[in-house]
């Protein structure tokens, strides 16, 4: 299989992951609503039920990511590059493929940051509700981006 075909499969895999992350994002927003005071008090049972749904989706993402890591490692070997990063792929791939890969990676990063921001708010709400104080009530956009970049690097997915 040539690198273009393999890159297309990687992109399709990322798209599947992205769609699953969109579901996680919807569930995170639902969790936020169930904790809101407008909801006449927090519904912790619903919050936990939603958390279990999120965990099931994340397990699906993990399986897809394992497949993706194998394909990315193969492309890295085929192209003789150190890592699967946009900077190293830019001059070694067709522009259309590179643009599509870049776009899906950007989209995934954006939704992961949005999930992180909602989760941070939810954590603060729960800590306030239970009387536990949080040192940093809100993660900055840069902190969240750094965190998710580190997570993805651990999974050998370097943005």
Foldseek 3Di string as FASTA:
>chain_A
DDLLVLLVVLLVLLVVLLVLLVVLLVLLVVQLVQCDCVVVHHDVVVNVVSVVVNVVSVVVNVVSLVVSLVSQVVSCVVQVHDASDLVVCVVVDDPVSSVSSVVSVVSSLVSQLSSVQSVLQSVCSVCVVVVHHDPDSGDDSVRSSVVVQVVVVVSRRHD
